[in-house]
Amino acid sequence: MIVKTKKYQLDTGTYIKIGLGNILKEQWWVALIAIAIACGYFWIASWWWISMAILAYVIYWLFWVIQFAGVTQMEQNKVIFEKMAYEIDSRQILMKINTKQGMPVKWEMIKKAEVKKDAFILTMSKAQFIHLPFRIFNSENEKKFMETILKRKGYIA
């Protein structure tokens, strides 16, 4: 069976939000570094330790916000934010801009998958993922088939 979805355009705000969520999940340990720097206050009592730890952590997150916002503005990444339909089967995910242009994504390229309350998120890297909202599926059966594929591939329990 092949699941053919409705056309969907990824919103830039959604891309940035999901991307920053991926960074937070993968690099949670950066907060521990900031806390360790702030603990320098107990060594030499100065508020500079705490303020510089907070500043460093804010700069770190600002770096990632700029990275994700920059991706949305680059010309070579415009294709990510175009309206496209998806054809999903047990071999691959075919991202189609139109009937003649498309790009296959093999399941081996997917590192992890999540089922959120309103979408499937298939993550390939920190900044590359496929966001499939439930509303683009034509029926409840197609959504269940997608879940079945993800379970067979071992991405969800």
Protein backbone atom coordinates (compact mmCIF):
# COMPACT_ATOMS: atom_id res chain seq x y z
CA MET A 1 0.00 0.00 0.00
CA ILE A 2 1.17 3.52 -0.78
CA VAL A 3 -0.02 6.47 1.29
CA LYS A 4 -0.52 9.57 -0.87
CA THR A 5 -0.94 12.72 1.16
CA LYS A 6 -2.44 16.09 0.37
CA LYS A 7 -0.03 18.89 -0.51
CA TYR A 8 1.55 20.53 2.52
CA GLN A 9 3.89 23.48 3.01
CA LEU A 10 6.15 23.54 6.05
CA ASP A 11 5.86 26.87 7.84
CA THR A 12 9.18 28.53 8.70
CA GLY A 13 8.07 29.11 12.31
CA THR A 14 7.23 25.43 12.70
CA TYR A 15 10.63 24.51 11.25
CA ILE A 16 12.47 26.75 13.72
CA LYS A 17 10.40 25.50 16.68
CA ILE A 18 10.91 21.81 15.88
CA GLY A 19 14.60 22.36 15.11
CA LEU A 20 15.21 24.10 18.43
CA GLY A 21 13.31 21.29 20.18
CA ASN A 22 15.65 18.76 18.53
CA ILE A 23 18.68 20.72 19.73
CA LEU A 24 17.29 20.89 23.27
CA LYS A 25 16.72 17.12 23.33
CA GLU A 26 20.11 16.24 21.84
CA GLN A 27 22.25 18.80 23.66
CA TRP A 28 20.62 19.07 27.08
CA TRP A 29 24.03 18.68 28.68
CA VAL A 30 25.01 22.24 27.65
CA ALA A 31 22.83 23.49 30.51
CA LEU A 32 25.01 21.46 32.88
CA ILE A 33 28.09 23.30 31.62
CA ALA A 34 26.41 26.64 32.28
CA ILE A 35 25.49 25.48 35.79
CA ALA A 36 29.09 24.32 36.38
CA ILE A 37 30.37 27.75 35.35
CA ALA A 38 27.83 29.42 37.67
CA CYS A 39 29.09 27.22 40.51
CA GLY A 40 32.37 29.16 40.28
CA TYR A 41 30.54 31.56 42.59
CA PHE A 42 31.26 29.17 45.45
CA TRP A 43 34.98 29.25 44.64
CA ILE A 44 35.32 33.03 44.27
CA ALA A 45 32.21 34.85 45.46
CA SER A 46 31.36 37.11 42.53
CA TRP A 47 28.12 37.55 40.60
CA TRP A 48 30.21 37.55 37.42
CA TRP A 49 30.22 33.74 37.46
CA ILE A 50 26.45 33.54 37.40
CA SER A 51 25.93 36.39 34.96
CA MET A 52 28.57 35.05 32.53
CA ALA A 53 27.11 31.53 32.72
CA ILE A 54 23.67 32.91 31.86
CA LEU A 55 25.15 35.08 29.09
CA ALA A 56 27.04 32.13 27.60
CA TYR A 57 23.89 29.98 27.64
CA VAL A 58 21.82 32.74 26.01
CA ILE A 59 24.49 33.24 23.33
CA TYR A 60 24.51 29.48 22.69
CA TRP A 61 20.73 29.46 22.09
CA LEU A 62 20.92 32.66 20.05
CA PHE A 63 23.47 30.92 17.81
CA TRP A 64 21.01 28.08 17.13
CA VAL A 65 18.07 30.45 16.57
CA ILE A 66 20.15 32.33 14.00
CA GLN A 67 21.17 29.06 12.34
CA PHE A 68 17.59 27.85 11.94
CA ALA A 69 16.28 31.27 10.93
CA GLY A 70 19.12 31.52 8.39
CA VAL A 71 18.17 28.19 6.81
CA THR A 72 14.70 29.57 6.09
CA GLN A 73 16.22 32.53 4.20
CA MET A 74 18.80 30.72 2.06
CA GLU A 75 17.93 30.27 -1.62
CA GLN A 76 19.12 26.65 -1.85
CA ASN A 77 16.81 25.68 1.04
CA LYS A 78 13.66 27.25 -0.44
CA VAL A 79 12.60 23.83 -1.75
CA ILE A 80 12.11 22.63 1.84
CA PHE A 81 9.42 25.25 2.33
CA GLU A 82 7.54 24.68 -0.92
CA LYS A 83 4.18 22.95 -1.10
CA MET A 84 4.71 19.25 -1.67
CA ALA A 85 2.85 15.98 -1.46
CA TYR A 86 4.27 12.81 0.03
CA GLU A 87 4.03 9.20 -1.14
CA ILE A 88 4.93 6.87 1.69
CA ASP A 89 5.46 3.12 1.51
CA SER A 90 7.62 0.56 3.29
CA ARG A 91 10.62 1.28 1.03
CA GLN A 92 10.81 5.08 1.03
CA ILE A 93 9.18 8.46 1.45
CA LEU A 94 8.82 10.28 -1.85
CA MET A 95 8.63 14.06 -1.47
CA LYS A 96 6.94 15.40 -4.60
CA ILE A 97 6.87 19.08 -5.61
CA ASN A 98 4.83 18.17 -8.70
CA THR A 99 4.21 15.04 -10.79
CA LYS A 100 7.65 15.24 -12.43
CA GLN A 101 9.84 16.57 -9.62
CA GLY A 102 10.45 14.71 -6.40
CA MET A 103 13.07 13.38 -4.03
CA PRO A 104 13.08 9.96 -2.41
CA VAL A 105 14.09 9.59 1.23
CA LYS A 106 15.04 6.03 2.18
CA TRP A 107 13.95 4.81 5.59
CA GLU A 108 17.61 4.20 6.46
CA MET A 109 18.15 7.98 6.41
CA ILE A 110 15.65 8.46 9.25
CA LYS A 111 17.36 8.42 12.65
CA LYS A 112 14.25 8.68 14.81
CA ALA A 113 10.53 9.27 14.57
CA GLU A 114 8.06 10.83 16.97
CA VAL A 115 4.30 10.80 17.06
CA LYS A 116 3.13 14.13 18.46
CA LYS A 117 -0.46 15.04 19.26
CA ASP A 118 -1.00 16.44 15.75
CA ALA A 119 1.87 15.20 13.53
CA PHE A 120 4.57 12.68 12.73
CA ILE A 121 8.11 14.06 12.92
CA LEU A 122 10.78 12.02 11.13
CA THR A 123 14.25 13.27 12.10
CA MET A 124 17.27 12.79 9.84
CA SER A 125 19.67 15.19 11.61
CA LYS A 126 19.54 18.22 13.91
CA ALA A 127 18.32 20.47 11.13
CA GLN A 128 16.72 17.98 8.74
CA PHE A 129 13.36 16.45 9.46
CA ILE A 130 10.05 15.69 7.80
CA HIS A 131 6.97 17.12 9.49
CA LEU A 132 3.79 15.28 8.52
CA PRO A 133 0.69 16.77 10.19
CA PHE A 134 -2.23 14.37 10.56
CA ARG A 135 -4.46 16.71 8.52
CA ILE A 136 -2.58 15.92 5.28
CA PHE A 137 -3.57 12.26 5.40
CA ASN A 138 -6.69 11.46 3.36
CA SER A 139 -8.13 8.98 5.87
CA GLU A 140 -7.64 7.58 9.33
CA ASN A 141 -6.51 4.29 7.73
CA GLU A 142 -3.59 6.03 6.00
CA LYS A 143 -2.50 7.54 9.32
CA LYS A 144 -2.70 4.09 10.97
CA PHE A 145 -0.72 2.57 8.09
CA MET A 146 1.98 5.21 8.63
CA GLU A 147 2.10 4.25 12.33
CA THR A 148 2.36 0.58 11.34
CA ILE A 149 5.33 1.32 9.05
CA LEU A 150 7.05 3.26 11.87
CA LYS A 151 6.48 0.36 14.28
CA ARG A 152 7.82 -2.23 11.79
CA LYS A 153 10.90 -0.12 11.15
CA GLY A 154 11.47 0.14 14.91
CA TYR A 155 11.09 3.92 15.20
CA ILE A 156 8.18 3.87 17.63
CA ALA A 157 7.00 1.33 20.17
